[in-house]
Amino acid sequence: MELLDVTEPRRVLRNVRVGARVTIWNWVNAYDCEIGDDSMIGTFVELQSGVRIGRQCRVSSHSFLCEGVVLEDEVFVGHGVMFVNDNAPSGRLEHRETWDLSPVLVRQGAAIGSNATILGGVTIGRDAVVGAGAVVTRDVPDGATVVGVPARLP
């Protein structure tokens, strides 16, 4: 893996570990994270510290992957997907010091539809599908398809 530090008008990449044949489009903000071989990061994506993206993943435009998000290999993330790592947010500045990170794991081969929201502490199983616009509040089993708000089996 190559370590990238790029600051230019259309991209800011700081301390990003990047595998072979990775595509990172313009207007991406990524720092202290890892992107595996043959993956693609779309326009207007933010990857925060500690995010790990496996091999052959696709993260579509306008998505937000916060600290604590791990995508295993061959994961698809649709446009505008939001991940959450704090299920009890506070506007207080000192909150960050007492806050408990709620990580998210997306297992190999899963697909997340556009505009879905994935709450902290959730695991999305292998080859599972999250429908567009769904709000995932609990674990999704391997191979399951979930839709709706909150996300559930159809």
Protein backbone atom coordinates (compact mmCIF):
# COMPACT_ATOMS: atom_id res chain seq x y z
CA MET A 1 0.00 0.00 0.00
CA GLU A 2 1.06 3.51 -0.79
CA LEU A 3 0.72 6.37 1.70
CA LEU A 4 -0.86 9.48 0.15
CA ASP A 5 -0.78 13.09 1.28
CA VAL A 6 -2.45 15.32 -1.32
CA THR A 7 -3.70 18.85 -0.81
CA GLU A 8 -5.11 20.49 -3.90
CA PRO A 9 -8.20 22.55 -4.67
CA ARG A 10 -10.30 19.48 -5.49
CA ARG A 11 -8.96 16.82 -3.12
CA VAL A 12 -7.56 16.61 0.39
CA LEU A 13 -6.00 13.27 1.29
CA ARG A 14 -3.98 13.16 4.49
CA ASN A 15 -2.17 10.03 5.64
CA VAL A 16 -4.33 7.74 3.46
CA ARG A 17 -3.09 4.21 2.82
CA VAL A 18 -4.10 3.29 -0.74
CA GLY A 19 -3.84 -0.08 -2.47
CA ALA A 20 -3.14 -0.75 -6.13
CA ARG A 21 -5.45 0.53 -8.88
CA VAL A 22 -7.58 2.66 -6.55
CA THR A 23 -9.63 5.47 -8.09
CA ILE A 24 -10.35 8.56 -5.99
CA TRP A 25 -12.48 11.17 -7.76
CA ASN A 26 -12.42 14.93 -7.16
CA TRP A 27 -13.84 16.65 -4.09
CA VAL A 28 -12.91 13.81 -1.72
CA ASN A 29 -11.82 14.52 1.84
CA ALA A 30 -10.03 11.55 3.44
CA TYR A 31 -7.63 11.32 6.34
CA ASP A 32 -5.95 8.65 8.45
CA CYS A 33 -7.82 5.84 6.68
CA GLU A 34 -7.19 2.86 4.40
CA ILE A 35 -8.53 1.96 0.93
CA GLY A 36 -7.90 -1.54 -0.48
CA ASP A 37 -6.87 -2.62 -3.98
CA ASP A 38 -9.19 -1.99 -6.94
CA SER A 39 -11.62 0.18 -4.96
CA MET A 40 -13.33 3.38 -6.11
CA ILE A 41 -14.21 6.45 -4.05
CA GLY A 42 -16.73 8.76 -5.71
CA THR A 43 -17.00 12.54 -5.79
CA PHE A 44 -17.96 14.44 -2.61
CA VAL A 45 -17.13 11.56 -0.24
CA GLU A 46 -15.65 12.00 3.22
CA LEU A 47 -13.64 9.23 4.86
CA GLN A 48 -12.75 9.98 8.47
CA SER A 49 -9.94 8.76 10.64
CA GLY A 50 -9.79 4.99 11.14
CA VAL A 51 -12.14 4.07 8.25
CA ARG A 52 -11.05 0.85 6.55
CA ILE A 53 -12.26 -0.01 3.06
CA GLY A 54 -11.49 -3.45 1.69
CA ARG A 55 -10.62 -4.60 -1.82
CA GLN A 56 -12.93 -4.10 -4.80
CA CYS A 57 -15.31 -1.76 -2.96
CA ARG A 58 -17.30 1.06 -4.51
CA VAL A 59 -18.27 4.08 -2.43
CA SER A 60 -20.56 6.28 -4.53
CA SER A 61 -20.73 10.07 -4.48
CA HIS A 62 -21.96 12.17 -1.56
CA SER A 63 -21.46 9.42 1.03
CA PHE A 64 -20.07 9.94 4.54
CA LEU A 65 -18.05 7.25 6.32
CA CYS A 66 -17.22 8.32 9.86
CA GLU A 67 -14.66 7.01 12.30
CA GLY A 68 -15.34 3.37 13.20
CA VAL A 69 -16.70 2.25 9.81
CA VAL A 70 -15.16 -0.88 8.27
CA LEU A 71 -16.13 -2.18 4.84
CA GLU A 72 -14.91 -5.67 4.07
CA ASP A 73 -14.10 -6.68 0.47
CA GLU A 74 -16.54 -6.26 -2.46
CA VAL A 75 -18.93 -3.89 -0.68
CA PHE A 76 -21.12 -1.46 -2.63
CA VAL A 77 -22.18 1.83 -1.02
CA GLY A 78 -24.76 3.80 -3.03
CA HIS A 79 -25.00 7.56 -3.42
CA GLY A 80 -25.55 9.70 -0.33
CA VAL A 81 -25.20 6.92 2.26
CA MET A 82 -24.64 8.23 5.79
CA PHE A 83 -22.95 6.24 8.53
CA VAL A 84 -23.39 7.24 12.19
CA ASN A 85 -20.95 6.42 14.99
CA ASP A 86 -22.66 8.18 17.90
CA ASN A 87 -26.14 7.06 18.88
CA ALA A 88 -26.41 9.64 21.70
CA PRO A 89 -25.06 12.90 20.23
CA SER A 90 -24.68 16.10 22.18
CA GLY A 91 -23.89 19.61 21.03
CA ARG A 92 -21.54 20.15 23.97
CA LEU A 93 -17.90 20.54 23.02
CA GLU A 94 -16.77 18.32 25.88
CA HIS A 95 -19.00 15.51 24.63
CA ARG A 96 -16.16 14.19 22.41
CA GLU A 97 -14.14 13.38 25.53
CA THR A 98 -16.86 11.18 27.06
CA TRP A 99 -18.40 9.81 23.87
CA ASP A 100 -18.46 6.11 23.13
CA LEU A 101 -17.63 5.17 19.56
CA SER A 102 -20.28 2.88 18.06
CA PRO A 103 -18.47 1.14 15.17
CA VAL A 104 -20.15 -0.18 12.03
CA LEU A 105 -19.06 -3.34 10.17
CA VAL A 106 -20.24 -4.06 6.62
CA ARG A 107 -19.38 -7.64 5.74
CA GLN A 108 -18.09 -8.94 2.39
CA GLY A 109 -20.34 -8.56 -0.64
CA ALA A 110 -23.01 -6.41 1.04
CA ALA A 111 -24.76 -3.65 -0.92
CA ILE A 112 -26.23 -0.47 0.56
CA GLY A 113 -28.74 1.51 -1.51
CA SER A 114 -28.67 5.26 -2.07
CA ASN A 115 -29.61 7.58 0.79
CA ALA A 116 -29.59 4.82 3.41
CA THR A 117 -28.57 5.72 6.97
CA ILE A 118 -26.61 3.18 9.00
CA LEU A 119 -26.66 3.78 12.76
CA GLY A 120 -23.70 3.04 14.99
CA GLY A 121 -23.11 -0.37 16.50
CA VAL A 122 -24.62 -2.21 13.52
CA THR A 123 -23.22 -5.12 11.51
CA ILE A 124 -24.51 -5.65 7.97
CA GLY A 125 -24.02 -9.31 7.06
CA ARG A 126 -22.29 -10.95 4.11
CA ASP A 127 -24.12 -10.47 0.80
CA ALA A 128 -26.92 -8.55 2.55
CA VAL A 129 -28.81 -5.78 0.74
CA VAL A 130 -30.01 -2.56 2.34
CA GLY A 131 -32.70 -0.86 0.28
CA ALA A 132 -32.48 2.76 -0.83
CA GLY A 133 -33.56 5.20 1.88
CA ALA A 134 -33.60 2.58 4.64
CA VAL A 135 -32.56 3.45 8.18
CA VAL A 136 -30.63 0.52 9.66
CA THR A 137 -31.03 0.44 13.44
CA ARG A 138 -30.04 -3.18 14.13
CA ASP A 139 -27.86 -5.92 12.67
CA VAL A 140 -28.74 -7.28 9.23
CA PRO A 141 -28.25 -11.07 8.85
CA ASP A 142 -26.08 -12.61 6.12
CA GLY A 143 -27.93 -12.70 2.79
CA ALA A 144 -30.94 -10.71 4.04
CA THR A 145 -32.61 -7.80 2.26
CA VAL A 146 -33.97 -5.02 4.46
CA VAL A 147 -36.04 -1.96 3.52
CA GLY A 148 -37.89 0.89 5.18
CA VAL A 149 -37.68 3.07 8.27
CA PRO A 150 -36.61 1.40 10.43
CA ALA A 151 -35.11 -1.21 8.10
CA ARG A 152 -36.77 -4.62 8.29
CA LEU A 153 -37.25 -7.73 6.21
CA PRO A 154 -39.90 -7.16 3.49
